[in-house]
Amino acid sequence: MENFEVARVDRSDVSILRLKGFLDAHTAPNFEQAIQELIEENRYKIIVSMSDLNYISSAGLGVFMGFIEEIREKEGDIKLTNMTDKVFKVFDLLGFPALYKIFQEEAEAEKEYSK
C-alpha cells in the first residue's frame, strides 16, 4: 500500500494542503488532523492541491464533507486544485463539483480568495 502525506503551506490568510499518495480509510485521519489544525488556528481559507494524489476513497471524500459546513459558517471555504483525471472522476461521480469550486492551478484558487 502506498503512503499518504499532507504538506502544508501558509500564505497570508490562505493555507494550502498538498496531498500525496493514497487517501483512504487508513490515511483519512491524517487529513482530518491537518484540517482540524487549520480550524484551531482560525485559518478558514483552504486550498487542497491533489496533483500527487493517486487515489481517494469514500473515507477520504468524507473528510471534505465533515468540515465544509463549519468552515463556511466561519466565512471560509475549501477550494480544490490540480486533480488528476482519475481523482476528478471520483469527485464528479459523487456530485462534488456542485459543492466545491475546482481549479486547474493553486494560483487560480488563491486569486478567488482575494476577490
Protein backbone atom coordinates (compact mmCIF):
# COMPACT_ATOMS: atom_id res chain seq x y z
CA MET A 1 0.00 0.00 0.00
CA GLU A 2 1.22 3.44 -0.89
CA ASN A 3 1.88 6.06 1.77
CA PHE A 4 -0.05 9.28 2.26
CA GLU A 5 1.37 12.70 3.02
CA VAL A 6 -0.10 16.12 3.72
CA ALA A 7 2.23 19.07 3.20
CA ARG A 8 1.06 22.46 4.47
CA VAL A 9 1.96 25.88 3.10
CA ASP A 10 0.59 29.07 4.66
CA ARG A 11 0.39 32.23 2.56
CA SER A 12 -1.02 35.28 4.38
CA ASP A 13 -4.62 34.23 5.11
CA VAL A 14 -4.74 31.21 2.75
CA SER A 15 -3.49 27.73 3.65
CA ILE A 16 -2.62 25.11 1.06
CA LEU A 17 -2.72 21.40 1.84
CA ARG A 18 -0.88 19.34 -0.77
CA LEU A 19 -1.96 15.70 -0.76
CA LYS A 20 0.26 12.87 -1.93
CA GLY A 21 -0.36 9.14 -2.26
CA PHE A 22 -3.48 7.22 -1.26
CA LEU A 23 -6.28 8.86 0.76
CA ASP A 24 -8.40 6.04 2.16
CA ALA A 25 -9.86 4.79 5.45
CA HIS A 26 -6.38 4.18 6.87
CA THR A 27 -4.96 7.58 5.96
CA ALA A 28 -8.06 9.81 6.27
CA PRO A 29 -7.32 10.58 9.95
CA ASN A 30 -4.06 12.29 8.89
CA PHE A 31 -6.01 14.54 6.53
CA GLU A 32 -8.66 15.18 9.19
CA GLN A 33 -5.94 16.23 11.62
CA ALA A 34 -4.45 18.67 9.10
CA ILE A 35 -7.81 20.37 8.55
CA GLN A 36 -8.59 20.37 12.28
CA GLU A 37 -5.29 22.16 12.97
CA LEU A 38 -6.21 24.87 10.44
CA ILE A 39 -9.59 25.36 12.12
CA GLU A 40 -7.98 25.58 15.56
CA GLU A 41 -5.67 28.29 14.17
CA ASN A 42 -8.66 30.18 12.69
CA ARG A 43 -7.43 29.54 9.15
CA TYR A 44 -10.59 29.00 7.11
CA LYS A 45 -9.42 29.80 3.57
CA ILE A 46 -8.15 26.41 2.47
CA ILE A 47 -6.87 25.10 -0.85
CA VAL A 48 -6.40 21.35 -1.26
CA SER A 49 -3.96 20.54 -4.05
CA MET A 50 -4.14 17.00 -5.45
CA SER A 51 -1.54 16.79 -8.22
CA ASP A 52 0.25 13.97 -6.35
CA LEU A 53 -2.88 12.24 -5.03
CA ASN A 54 -3.11 8.84 -6.71
CA TYR A 55 -6.29 7.52 -5.10
CA ILE A 56 -9.19 8.72 -2.97
CA SER A 57 -11.82 6.52 -1.32
CA SER A 58 -15.20 7.38 0.13
CA ALA A 59 -13.49 7.79 3.51
CA GLY A 60 -11.27 10.47 2.00
CA LEU A 61 -14.25 12.22 0.46
CA GLY A 62 -15.99 12.07 3.82
CA VAL A 63 -13.27 14.25 5.33
CA PHE A 64 -14.22 17.07 2.96
CA MET A 65 -17.89 16.74 3.87
CA GLY A 66 -17.12 16.54 7.58
CA PHE A 67 -15.59 20.01 7.72
CA ILE A 68 -17.13 22.11 4.96
CA GLU A 69 -20.18 23.34 6.88
CA GLU A 70 -18.14 24.54 9.86
CA ILE A 71 -15.57 26.24 7.60
CA ARG A 72 -18.23 28.01 5.54
CA GLU A 73 -20.01 29.17 8.70
CA LYS A 74 -16.71 30.93 9.58
CA GLU A 75 -16.70 32.76 6.20
CA GLY A 76 -14.15 30.32 4.76
CA ASP A 77 -14.13 27.65 2.10
CA ILE A 78 -12.25 24.65 0.76
CA LYS A 79 -11.19 25.01 -2.87
CA LEU A 80 -9.81 22.04 -4.79
CA THR A 81 -6.97 22.16 -7.32
CA ASN A 82 -4.68 20.10 -9.54
CA MET A 83 -6.83 16.96 -9.72
CA THR A 84 -5.74 14.13 -11.94
CA ASP A 85 -8.43 12.80 -14.29
CA LYS A 86 -8.72 9.65 -12.17
CA VAL A 87 -9.34 11.59 -8.94
CA PHE A 88 -11.67 14.06 -10.65
CA LYS A 89 -13.86 11.20 -11.90
CA VAL A 90 -14.47 10.09 -8.30
CA PHE A 91 -15.37 13.64 -7.20
CA ASP A 92 -17.56 14.13 -10.29
CA LEU A 93 -19.38 10.81 -9.85
CA LEU A 94 -20.47 11.88 -6.36
CA GLY A 95 -21.53 15.40 -7.36
CA PHE A 96 -18.70 17.28 -5.65
CA PRO A 97 -18.30 19.86 -8.47
CA ALA A 98 -21.71 21.24 -7.43
CA LEU A 99 -20.47 21.70 -3.84
CA TYR A 100 -16.83 22.75 -4.29
CA LYS A 101 -15.02 25.02 -6.70
CA ILE A 102 -12.38 23.09 -8.60
CA PHE A 103 -9.43 24.85 -10.25
CA GLN A 104 -6.62 23.68 -12.50
CA GLU A 105 -3.92 25.51 -10.52
CA GLU A 106 -3.37 26.71 -6.94
CA ALA A 107 -2.82 30.28 -8.15
CA GLU A 108 -6.33 30.40 -9.62
CA ALA A 109 -7.85 29.33 -6.31
CA GLU A 110 -5.74 31.89 -4.40
CA LYS A 111 -7.00 34.67 -6.69
CA GLU A 112 -10.57 33.58 -5.99
CA TYR A 113 -9.99 34.17 -2.26
CA SER A 114 -8.74 37.69 -2.87
CA LYS A 115 -11.96 38.79 -4.64
